[in-house]
Amino acid sequence: MTNIRTVLAVNMKARRKDLNISQATLAEKIGTSPNYISKIEAEKQFPSVQMIENLANALECDSVDLFSIKKMKNDSLDSIQETLRNEIDDLVREKFKLIKEL
């Protein structure tokens, strides 16, 4: 199962790249900071419903498209798989560390 934050981040970044606009330009279009856009794309922040609508309008797509796995490109899916593998590796290392401390 794919995390909704990941799907949004990947689709948002891909759509922004398709339109050839920077995080700063996207932020300006919707009246927010480039740092906020960066946090969404890094999965550290999740936007409100209103912000999702603003993002979709600025990215010239439907808000539903931002959450569609079908819209994701193969390279984006590979990126998600790698992220998940890294998260699993981190969890395993963390658990082994806890076991060693016992």
PDB file of N, CA and C in Angstrom:
ATOM      1  N   MET A   1       0.845  -1.180   0.000  1.00  0.00           N
ATOM      2  CA  MET A   1       0.000   0.000   0.000  1.00  0.00           C
ATOM      3  C   MET A   1       0.887   1.239   0.000  1.00  0.00           C
ATOM      4  N   THR A   2       0.518   2.231  -0.747  1.00  0.00           N
ATOM      5  CA  THR A   2       1.302   3.451  -0.882  1.00  0.00           C
ATOM      6  C   THR A   2       0.750   4.537   0.024  1.00  0.00           C
ATOM      7  N   ASN A   3       1.631   5.255   0.655  1.00  0.00           N
ATOM      8  CA  ASN A   3       1.288   6.353   1.536  1.00  0.00           C
ATOM      9  C   ASN A   3       0.711   7.523   0.724  1.00  0.00           C
ATOM     10  N   ILE A   4      -0.378   8.114   1.196  1.00  0.00           N
ATOM     11  CA  ILE A   4      -1.028   9.209   0.469  1.00  0.00           C
ATOM     12  C   ILE A   4      -0.117  10.433   0.351  1.00  0.00           C
ATOM     13  N   ARG A   5       0.709  10.662   1.371  1.00  0.00           N
ATOM     14  CA  ARG A   5       1.662  11.784   1.304  1.00  0.00           C
ATOM     15  C   ARG A   5       2.657  11.576   0.167  1.00  0.00           C
ATOM     16  N   THR A   6       3.080  10.324   0.007  1.00  0.00           N
ATOM     17  CA  THR A   6       4.040   9.997  -1.046  1.00  0.00           C
ATOM     18  C   THR A   6       3.419  10.204  -2.421  1.00  0.00           C
ATOM     19  N   VAL A   7       2.195   9.735  -2.585  1.00  0.00           N
ATOM     20  CA  VAL A   7       1.508   9.888  -3.875  1.00  0.00           C
ATOM     21  C   VAL A   7       1.357  11.370  -4.212  1.00  0.00           C
ATOM     22  N   LEU A   8       0.906  12.165  -3.243  1.00  0.00           N
ATOM     23  CA  LEU A   8       0.763  13.606  -3.477  1.00  0.00           C
ATOM     24  C   LEU A   8       2.109  14.227  -3.836  1.00  0.00           C
ATOM     25  N   ALA A   9       3.133  13.918  -3.061  1.00  0.00           N
ATOM     26  CA  ALA A   9       4.451  14.512  -3.296  1.00  0.00           C
ATOM     27  C   ALA A   9       4.989  14.179  -4.681  1.00  0.00           C
ATOM     28  N   VAL A  10       4.892  12.910  -5.042  1.00  0.00           N
ATOM     29  CA  VAL A  10       5.421  12.471  -6.339  1.00  0.00           C
ATOM     30  C   VAL A  10       4.627  13.099  -7.490  1.00  0.00           C
ATOM     31  N   ASN A  11       3.306  13.054  -7.395  1.00  0.00           N
ATOM     32  CA  ASN A  11       2.479  13.615  -8.471  1.00  0.00           C
ATOM     33  C   ASN A  11       2.641  15.129  -8.583  1.00  0.00           C
ATOM     34  N   MET A  12       2.720  15.789  -7.444  1.00  0.00           N
ATOM     35  CA  MET A  12       2.871  17.240  -7.452  1.00  0.00           C
ATOM     36  C   MET A  12       4.203  17.641  -8.099  1.00  0.00           C
ATOM     37  N   LYS A  13       5.256  16.983  -7.701  1.00  0.00           N
ATOM     38  CA  LYS A  13       6.576  17.283  -8.258  1.00  0.00           C
ATOM     39  C   LYS A  13       6.626  16.966  -9.753  1.00  0.00           C
ATOM     40  N   ALA A  14       6.062  15.823 -10.144  1.00  0.00           N
ATOM     41  CA  ALA A  14       6.060  15.440 -11.562  1.00  0.00           C
ATOM     42  C   ALA A  14       5.273  16.456 -12.389  1.00  0.00           C
ATOM     43  N   ARG A  15       4.126  16.865 -11.890  1.00  0.00           N
ATOM     44  CA  ARG A  15       3.301  17.831 -12.631  1.00  0.00           C
ATOM     45  C   ARG A  15       4.018  19.180 -12.726  1.00  0.00           C
ATOM     46  N   ARG A  16       4.670  19.574 -11.640  1.00  0.00           N
ATOM     47  CA  ARG A  16       5.421  20.830 -11.636  1.00  0.00           C
ATOM     48  C   ARG A  16       6.551  20.767 -12.658  1.00  0.00           C
ATOM     49  N   LYS A  17       7.230  19.635 -12.715  1.00  0.00           N
ATOM     50  CA  LYS A  17       8.316  19.452 -13.693  1.00  0.00           C
ATOM     51  C   LYS A  17       7.767  19.445 -15.118  1.00  0.00           C
ATOM     52  N   ASP A  18       6.586  18.804 -15.324  1.00  0.00           N
ATOM     53  CA  ASP A  18       5.960  18.797 -16.651  1.00  0.00           C
ATOM     54  C   ASP A  18       5.662  20.218 -17.122  1.00  0.00           C
ATOM     55  N   LEU A  19       5.262  21.071 -16.181  1.00  0.00           N
ATOM     56  CA  LEU A  19       4.953  22.464 -16.518  1.00  0.00           C
ATOM     57  C   LEU A  19       6.200  23.344 -16.529  1.00  0.00           C
ATOM     58  N   ASN A  20       7.340  22.738 -16.140  1.00  0.00           N
ATOM     59  CA  ASN A  20       8.617  23.448 -16.103  1.00  0.00           C
ATOM     60  C   ASN A  20       8.566  24.675 -15.198  1.00  0.00           C
ATOM     61  N   ILE A  21       8.000  24.490 -13.995  1.00  0.00           N
ATOM     62  CA  ILE A  21       7.973  25.587 -13.028  1.00  0.00           C
ATOM     63  C   ILE A  21       8.684  25.164 -11.746  1.00  0.00           C
ATOM     64  N   SER A  22       9.290  26.121 -11.112  1.00  0.00           N
ATOM     65  CA  SER A  22      10.039  25.867  -9.879  1.00  0.00           C
ATOM     66  C   SER A  22       9.095  25.841  -8.677  1.00  0.00           C
ATOM     67  N   GLN A  23       9.624  25.398  -7.561  1.00  0.00           N
ATOM     68  CA  GLN A  23       8.857  25.447  -6.324  1.00  0.00           C
ATOM     69  C   GLN A  23       8.501  26.894  -5.988  1.00  0.00           C
ATOM     70  N   ALA A  24       9.434  27.800  -6.239  1.00  0.00           N
ATOM     71  CA  ALA A  24       9.197  29.219  -5.956  1.00  0.00           C
ATOM     72  C   ALA A  24       8.061  29.780  -6.813  1.00  0.00           C
ATOM     73  N   THR A  25       8.033  29.405  -8.084  1.00  0.00           N
ATOM     74  CA  THR A  25       6.976  29.873  -8.979  1.00  0.00           C
ATOM     75  C   THR A  25       5.629  29.306  -8.551  1.00  0.00           C
ATOM     76  N   LEU A  26       5.591  28.028  -8.213  1.00  0.00           N
ATOM     77  CA  LEU A  26       4.348  27.415  -7.747  1.00  0.00           C
ATOM     78  C   LEU A  26       3.879  28.103  -6.472  1.00  0.00           C
ATOM     79  N   ALA A  27       4.796  28.331  -5.555  1.00  0.00           N
ATOM     80  CA  ALA A  27       4.449  28.996  -4.295  1.00  0.00           C
ATOM     81  C   ALA A  27       3.862  30.381  -4.549  1.00  0.00           C
ATOM     82  N   GLU A  28       4.477  31.105  -5.460  1.00  0.00           N
ATOM     83  CA  GLU A  28       3.995  32.453  -5.787  1.00  0.00           C
ATOM     84  C   GLU A  28       2.580  32.399  -6.364  1.00  0.00           C
ATOM     85  N   LYS A  29       2.321  31.412  -7.217  1.00  0.00           N
ATOM     86  CA  LYS A  29       0.998  31.280  -7.837  1.00  0.00           C
ATOM     87  C   LYS A  29      -0.105  31.050  -6.809  1.00  0.00           C
ATOM     88  N   ILE A  30       0.217  30.384  -5.714  1.00  0.00           N
ATOM     89  CA  ILE A  30      -0.825  30.066  -4.737  1.00  0.00           C
ATOM     90  C   ILE A  30      -0.698  30.869  -3.443  1.00  0.00           C
ATOM     91  N   GLY A  31       0.241  31.795  -3.412  1.00  0.00           N
ATOM     92  CA  GLY A  31       0.365  32.680  -2.260  1.00  0.00           C
ATOM     93  C   GLY A  31       0.917  32.016  -1.005  1.00  0.00           C
ATOM     94  N   THR A  32       1.946  31.199  -1.192  1.00  0.00           N
ATOM     95  CA  THR A  32       2.599  30.563  -0.052  1.00  0.00           C
ATOM     96  C   THR A  32       4.108  30.649  -0.240  1.00  0.00           C
ATOM     97  N   SER A  33       4.850  30.010   0.629  1.00  0.00           N
ATOM     98  CA  SER A  33       6.305  30.082   0.537  1.00  0.00           C
ATOM     99  C   SER A  33       6.878  28.869  -0.200  1.00  0.00           C
ATOM    100  N   PRO A  34       8.024  29.045  -0.848  1.00  0.00           N
ATOM    101  CA  PRO A  34       8.691  27.906  -1.478  1.00  0.00           C
ATOM    102  C   PRO A  34       9.031  26.822  -0.456  1.00  0.00           C
ATOM    103  N   ASN A  35       9.305  27.222   0.773  1.00  0.00           N
ATOM    104  CA  ASN A  35       9.615  26.264   1.838  1.00  0.00           C
ATOM    105  C   ASN A  35       8.424  25.336   2.092  1.00  0.00           C
ATOM    106  N   TYR A  36       7.212  25.875   2.050  1.00  0.00           N
ATOM    107  CA  TYR A  36       6.008  25.067   2.253  1.00  0.00           C
ATOM    108  C   TYR A  36       5.862  24.040   1.125  1.00  0.00           C
ATOM    109  N   ILE A  37       6.086  24.471  -0.113  1.00  0.00           N
ATOM    110  CA  ILE A  37       6.023  23.554  -1.256  1.00  0.00           C
ATOM    111  C   ILE A  37       7.074  22.467  -1.097  1.00  0.00           C
ATOM    112  N   SER A  38       8.260  22.849  -0.694  1.00  0.00           N
ATOM    113  CA  SER A  38       9.343  21.892  -0.477  1.00  0.00           C
ATOM    114  C   SER A  38       8.959  20.856   0.583  1.00  0.00           C
ATOM    115  N   LYS A  39       8.333  21.305   1.648  1.00  0.00           N
ATOM    116  CA  LYS A  39       7.922  20.386   2.724  1.00  0.00           C
ATOM    117  C   LYS A  39       6.857  19.405   2.244  1.00  0.00           C
ATOM    118  N   ILE A  40       5.940  19.863   1.399  1.00  0.00           N
ATOM    119  CA  ILE A  40       4.925  18.944   0.858  1.00  0.00           C
ATOM    120  C   ILE A  40       5.604  17.900  -0.016  1.00  0.00           C
ATOM    121  N   GLU A  41       6.504  18.340  -0.901  1.00  0.00           N
ATOM    122  CA  GLU A  41       7.190  17.417  -1.803  1.00  0.00           C
ATOM    123  C   GLU A  41       8.144  16.480  -1.057  1.00  0.00           C
ATOM    124  N   ALA A  42       8.564  16.879   0.141  1.00  0.00           N
ATOM    125  CA  ALA A  42       9.429  16.029   0.962  1.00  0.00           C
ATOM    126  C   ALA A  42       8.613  15.193   1.950  1.00  0.00           C
ATOM    127  N   GLU A  43       7.298  15.286   1.840  1.00  0.00           N
ATOM    128  CA  GLU A  43       6.373  14.518   2.683  1.00  0.00           C
ATOM    129  C   GLU A  43       6.455  14.893   4.157  1.00  0.00           C
ATOM    130  N   LYS A  44       6.880  16.106   4.447  1.00  0.00           N
ATOM    131  CA  LYS A  44       6.977  16.575   5.827  1.00  0.00           C
ATOM    132  C   LYS A  44       5.764  17.418   6.229  1.00  0.00           C
ATOM    133  N   GLN A  45       4.972  17.797   5.255  1.00  0.00           N
ATOM    134  CA  GLN A  45       3.785  18.626   5.488  1.00  0.00           C
ATOM    135  C   GLN A  45       2.673  18.088   4.612  1.00  0.00           C
ATOM    136  N   PHE A  46       1.434  18.176   5.106  1.00  0.00           N
ATOM    137  CA  PHE A  46       0.286  17.777   4.301  1.00  0.00           C
ATOM    138  C   PHE A  46      -0.655  18.961   4.212  1.00  0.00           C
ATOM    139  N   PRO A  47      -1.025  19.360   2.980  1.00  0.00           N
ATOM    140  CA  PRO A  47      -1.823  20.573   2.805  1.00  0.00           C
ATOM    141  C   PRO A  47      -3.300  20.393   3.186  1.00  0.00           C
ATOM    142  N   SER A  48      -3.931  21.510   3.464  1.00  0.00           N
ATOM    143  CA  SER A  48      -5.371  21.525   3.724  1.00  0.00           C
ATOM    144  C   SER A  48      -6.120  21.271   2.419  1.00  0.00           C
ATOM    145  N   VAL A  49      -7.407  21.034   2.532  1.00  0.00           N
ATOM    146  CA  VAL A  49      -8.238  20.822   1.341  1.00  0.00           C
ATOM    147  C   VAL A  49      -8.180  22.045   0.434  1.00  0.00           C
ATOM    148  N   GLN A  50      -8.269  23.233   1.018  1.00  0.00           N
ATOM    149  CA  GLN A  50      -8.212  24.457   0.218  1.00  0.00           C
ATOM    150  C   GLN A  50      -6.868  24.576  -0.502  1.00  0.00           C
ATOM    151  N   MET A  51      -5.785  24.235   0.195  1.00  0.00           N
ATOM    152  CA  MET A  51      -4.460  24.313  -0.423  1.00  0.00           C
ATOM    153  C   MET A  51      -4.327  23.282  -1.541  1.00  0.00           C
ATOM    154  N   ILE A  52      -4.918  22.103  -1.366  1.00  0.00           N
ATOM    155  CA  ILE A  52      -4.896  21.089  -2.425  1.00  0.00           C
ATOM    156  C   ILE A  52      -5.591  21.627  -3.670  1.00  0.00           C
ATOM    157  N   GLU A  53      -6.720  22.275  -3.478  1.00  0.00           N
ATOM    158  CA  GLU A  53      -7.435  22.877  -4.614  1.00  0.00           C
ATOM    159  C   GLU A  53      -6.595  23.970  -5.266  1.00  0.00           C
ATOM    160  N   ASN A  54      -5.940  24.783  -4.458  1.00  0.00           N
ATOM    161  CA  ASN A  54      -5.067  25.836  -4.999  1.00  0.00           C
ATOM    162  C   ASN A  54      -3.905  25.230  -5.783  1.00  0.00           C
ATOM    163  N   LEU A  55      -3.313  24.175  -5.236  1.00  0.00           N
ATOM    164  CA  LEU A  55      -2.213  23.493  -5.928  1.00  0.00           C
ATOM    165  C   LEU A  55      -2.682  22.935  -7.267  1.00  0.00           C
ATOM    166  N   ALA A  56      -3.829  22.267  -7.256  1.00  0.00           N
ATOM    167  CA  ALA A  56      -4.361  21.688  -8.495  1.00  0.00           C
ATOM    168  C   ALA A  56      -4.600  22.773  -9.545  1.00  0.00           C
ATOM    169  N   ASN A  57      -5.184  23.881  -9.127  1.00  0.00           N
ATOM    170  CA  ASN A  57      -5.421  24.982 -10.073  1.00  0.00           C
ATOM    171  C   ASN A  57      -4.107  25.514 -10.641  1.00  0.00           C
ATOM    172  N   ALA A  58      -3.138  25.708  -9.778  1.00  0.00           N
ATOM    173  CA  ALA A  58      -1.842  26.226 -10.228  1.00  0.00           C
ATOM    174  C   ALA A  58      -1.106  25.222 -11.107  1.00  0.00           C
ATOM    175  N   LEU A  59      -1.332  23.932 -10.844  1.00  0.00           N
ATOM    176  CA  LEU A  59      -0.678  22.880 -11.624  1.00  0.00           C
ATOM    177  C   LEU A  59      -1.521  22.445 -12.830  1.00  0.00           C
ATOM    178  N   GLU A  60      -2.622  23.139 -13.032  1.00  0.00           N
ATOM    179  CA  GLU A  60      -3.501  22.915 -14.187  1.00  0.00           C
ATOM    180  C   GLU A  60      -3.950  21.460 -14.295  1.00  0.00           C
ATOM    181  N   CYS A  61      -4.438  20.934 -13.166  1.00  0.00           N
ATOM    182  CA  CYS A  61      -4.959  19.567 -13.146  1.00  0.00           C
ATOM    183  C   CYS A  61      -6.112  19.488 -12.149  1.00  0.00           C
ATOM    184  N   ASP A  62      -6.787  18.359 -12.131  1.00  0.00           N
ATOM    185  CA  ASP A  62      -7.829  18.131 -11.138  1.00  0.00           C
ATOM    186  C   ASP A  62      -7.179  17.740  -9.829  1.00  0.00           C
ATOM    187  N   SER A  63      -7.785  18.139  -8.723  1.00  0.00           N
ATOM    188  CA  SER A  63      -7.211  17.794  -7.427  1.00  0.00           C
ATOM    189  C   SER A  63      -7.123  16.277  -7.242  1.00  0.00           C
ATOM    190  N   VAL A  64      -8.080  15.549  -7.798  1.00  0.00           N
ATOM    191  CA  VAL A  64      -8.063  14.085  -7.709  1.00  0.00           C
ATOM    192  C   VAL A  64      -6.817  13.521  -8.384  1.00  0.00           C
ATOM    193  N   ASP A  65      -6.368  14.150  -9.455  1.00  0.00           N
ATOM    194  CA  ASP A  65      -5.177  13.679 -10.172  1.00  0.00           C
ATOM    195  C   ASP A  65      -3.932  13.707  -9.284  1.00  0.00           C
ATOM    196  N   LEU A  66      -3.910  14.614  -8.318  1.00  0.00           N
ATOM    197  CA  LEU A  66      -2.757  14.701  -7.428  1.00  0.00           C
ATOM    198  C   LEU A  66      -2.645  13.484  -6.508  1.00  0.00           C
ATOM    199  N   PHE A  67      -3.745  12.723  -6.395  1.00  0.00           N
ATOM    200  CA  PHE A  67      -3.757  11.558  -5.520  1.00  0.00           C
ATOM    201  C   PHE A  67      -3.917  10.243  -6.272  1.00  0.00           C
ATOM    202  N   SER A  68      -3.775  10.295  -7.581  1.00  0.00           N
ATOM    203  CA  SER A  68      -3.980   9.109  -8.400  1.00  0.00           C
ATOM    204  C   SER A  68      -2.674   8.367  -8.645  1.00  0.00           C
ATOM    205  N   ILE A  69      -2.661   7.106  -8.257  1.00  0.00           N
ATOM    206  CA  ILE A  69      -1.485   6.275  -8.527  1.00  0.00           C
ATOM    207  C   ILE A  69      -1.357   6.049 -10.029  1.00  0.00           C
ATOM    208  N   LYS A  70      -2.485   6.009 -10.721  1.00  0.00           N
ATOM    209  CA  LYS A  70      -2.468   5.788 -12.173  1.00  0.00           C
ATOM    210  C   LYS A  70      -1.778   6.927 -12.906  1.00  0.00           C
ATOM    211  N   LYS A  71      -1.777   8.116 -12.336  1.00  0.00           N
ATOM    212  CA  LYS A  71      -1.140   9.265 -12.975  1.00  0.00           C
ATOM    213  C   LYS A  71       0.377   9.255 -12.789  1.00  0.00           C
ATOM    214  N   MET A  72       0.828   8.453 -11.841  1.00  0.00           N
ATOM    215  CA  MET A  72       2.249   8.438 -11.542  1.00  0.00           C
ATOM    216  C   MET A  72       3.023   7.768 -12.664  1.00  0.00           C
ATOM    217  N   LYS A  73       4.183   8.302 -12.953  1.00  0.00           N
ATOM    218  CA  LYS A  73       5.041   7.743 -13.988  1.00  0.00           C
ATOM    219  C   LYS A  73       5.835   6.587 -13.411  1.00  0.00           C
ATOM    220  N   ASN A  74       6.323   5.702 -14.266  1.00  0.00           N
ATOM    221  CA  ASN A  74       7.086   4.540 -13.801  1.00  0.00           C
ATOM    222  C   ASN A  74       8.294   4.927 -12.962  1.00  0.00           C
ATOM    223  N   ASP A  75       8.995   5.988 -13.346  1.00  0.00           N
ATOM    224  CA  ASP A  75      10.152   6.396 -12.562  1.00  0.00           C
ATOM    225  C   ASP A  75       9.734   6.874 -11.187  1.00  0.00           C
ATOM    226  N   SER A  76       8.533   7.450 -11.081  1.00  0.00           N
ATOM    227  CA  SER A  76       8.013   7.872  -9.791  1.00  0.00           C
ATOM    228  C   SER A  76       7.704   6.657  -8.928  1.00  0.00           C
ATOM    229  N   LEU A  77       7.154   5.638  -9.529  1.00  0.00           N
ATOM    230  CA  LEU A  77       6.869   4.410  -8.791  1.00  0.00           C
ATOM    231  C   LEU A  77       8.156   3.770  -8.313  1.00  0.00           C
ATOM    232  N   ASP A  78       9.179   3.785  -9.130  1.00  0.00           N
ATOM    233  CA  ASP A  78      10.481   3.266  -8.715  1.00  0.00           C
ATOM    234  C   ASP A  78      11.021   4.057  -7.528  1.00  0.00           C
ATOM    235  N   SER A  79      10.814   5.352  -7.559  1.00  0.00           N
ATOM    236  CA  SER A  79      11.251   6.216  -6.464  1.00  0.00           C
ATOM    237  C   SER A  79      10.522   5.864  -5.172  1.00  0.00           C
ATOM    238  N   ILE A  80       9.232   5.605  -5.271  1.00  0.00           N
ATOM    239  CA  ILE A  80       8.451   5.223  -4.096  1.00  0.00           C
ATOM    240  C   ILE A  80       8.944   3.897  -3.542  1.00  0.00           C
ATOM    241  N   GLN A  81       9.198   2.938  -4.432  1.00  0.00           N
ATOM    242  CA  GLN A  81       9.691   1.642  -3.988  1.00  0.00           C
ATOM    243  C   GLN A  81      11.028   1.789  -3.269  1.00  0.00           C
ATOM    244  N   GLU A  82      11.900   2.615  -3.794  1.00  0.00           N
ATOM    245  CA  GLU A  82      13.195   2.823  -3.154  1.00  0.00           C
ATOM    246  C   GLU A  82      13.022   3.482  -1.789  1.00  0.00           C
ATOM    247  N   THR A  83      12.128   4.452  -1.704  1.00  0.00           N
ATOM    248  CA  THR A  83      11.852   5.111  -0.430  1.00  0.00           C
ATOM    249  C   THR A  83      11.340   4.106   0.590  1.00  0.00           C
ATOM    250  N   LEU A  84      10.414   3.252   0.160  1.00  0.00           N
ATOM    251  CA  LEU A  84       9.874   2.247   1.070  1.00  0.00           C
ATOM    252  C   LEU A  84      10.951   1.258   1.519  1.00  0.00           C
ATOM    253  N   ARG A  85      11.805   0.852   0.593  1.00  0.00           N
ATOM    254  CA  ARG A  85      12.902  -0.049   0.954  1.00  0.00           C
ATOM    255  C   ARG A  85      13.815   0.607   2.001  1.00  0.00           C
ATOM    256  N   ASN A  86      14.117   1.881   1.794  1.00  0.00           N
ATOM    257  CA  ASN A  86      14.975   2.597   2.738  1.00  0.00           C
ATOM    258  C   ASN A  86      14.309   2.713   4.105  1.00  0.00           C
ATOM    259  N   GLU A  87      13.002   2.977   4.115  1.00  0.00           N
ATOM    260  CA  GLU A  87      12.275   3.074   5.380  1.00  0.00           C
ATOM    261  C   GLU A  87      12.270   1.729   6.099  1.00  0.00           C
ATOM    262  N   ILE A  88      12.109   0.647   5.358  1.00  0.00           N
ATOM    263  CA  ILE A  88      12.139  -0.686   5.954  1.00  0.00           C
ATOM    264  C   ILE A  88      13.527  -0.983   6.517  1.00  0.00           C
ATOM    265  N   ASP A  89      14.568  -0.655   5.751  1.00  0.00           N
ATOM    266  CA  ASP A  89      15.935  -0.851   6.232  1.00  0.00           C
ATOM    267  C   ASP A  89      16.176  -0.079   7.529  1.00  0.00           C
ATOM    268  N   ASP A  90      15.713   1.163   7.577  1.00  0.00           N
ATOM    269  CA  ASP A  90      15.877   1.984   8.779  1.00  0.00           C
ATOM    270  C   ASP A  90      15.153   1.361   9.968  1.00  0.00           C
ATOM    271  N   LEU A  91      13.943   0.869   9.743  1.00  0.00           N
ATOM    272  CA  LEU A  91      13.182   0.225  10.817  1.00  0.00           C
ATOM    273  C   LEU A  91      13.879  -1.029  11.330  1.00  0.00           C
ATOM    274  N   VAL A  92      14.409  -1.830  10.423  1.00  0.00           N
ATOM    275  CA  VAL A  92      15.110  -3.056  10.814  1.00  0.00           C
ATOM    276  C   VAL A  92      16.348  -2.703  11.638  1.00  0.00           C
ATOM    277  N   ARG A  93      17.126  -1.719  11.179  1.00  0.00           N
ATOM    278  CA  ARG A  93      18.314  -1.298  11.931  1.00  0.00           C
ATOM    279  C   ARG A  93      17.933  -0.811  13.329  1.00  0.00           C
ATOM    280  N   GLU A  94      16.858  -0.038  13.390  1.00  0.00           N
ATOM    281  CA  GLU A  94      16.387   0.491  14.665  1.00  0.00           C
ATOM    282  C   GLU A  94      15.985  -0.645  15.613  1.00  0.00           C
ATOM    283  N   LYS A  95      15.284  -1.647  15.094  1.00  0.00           N
ATOM    284  CA  LYS A  95      14.851  -2.779  15.913  1.00  0.00           C
ATOM    285  C   LYS A  95      16.058  -3.591  16.389  1.00  0.00           C
ATOM    286  N   PHE A  96      17.047  -3.821  15.511  1.00  0.00           N
ATOM    287  CA  PHE A  96      18.257  -4.535  15.914  1.00  0.00           C
ATOM    288  C   PHE A  96      19.002  -3.775  17.004  1.00  0.00           C
ATOM    289  N   LYS A  97      19.033  -2.482  16.882  1.00  0.00           N
ATOM    290  CA  LYS A  97      19.695  -1.644  17.888  1.00  0.00           C
ATOM    291  C   LYS A  97      18.994  -1.811  19.233  1.00  0.00           C
ATOM    292  N   LEU A  98      17.668  -1.800  19.223  1.00  0.00           N
ATOM    293  CA  LEU A  98      16.908  -1.994  20.463  1.00  0.00           C
ATOM    294  C   LEU A  98      17.148  -3.364  21.064  1.00  0.00           C
ATOM    295  N   ILE A  99      17.223  -4.380  20.211  1.00  0.00           N
ATOM    296  CA  ILE A  99      17.468  -5.751  20.673  1.00  0.00           C
ATOM    297  C   ILE A  99      18.859  -5.843  21.323  1.00  0.00           C
ATOM    298  N   LYS A 100      19.851  -5.209  20.713  1.00  0.00           N
ATOM    299  CA  LYS A 100      21.213  -5.253  21.262  1.00  0.00           C
ATOM    300  C   LYS A 100      21.284  -4.577  22.623  1.00  0.00           C
ATOM    301  N   GLU A 101      20.462  -3.553  22.800  1.00  0.00           N
ATOM    302  CA  GLU A 101      20.455  -2.822  24.075  1.00  0.00           C
ATOM    303  C   GLU A 101      19.817  -3.624  25.196  1.00  0.00           C
ATOM    304  N   LEU A 102      19.041  -4.644  24.852  1.00  0.00           N
ATOM    305  CA  LEU A 102      18.397  -5.485  25.874  1.00  0.00           C
ATOM    306  C   LEU A 102      19.423  -6.374  26.446  1.00  0.00           C
TER     307      LEU A 102
END
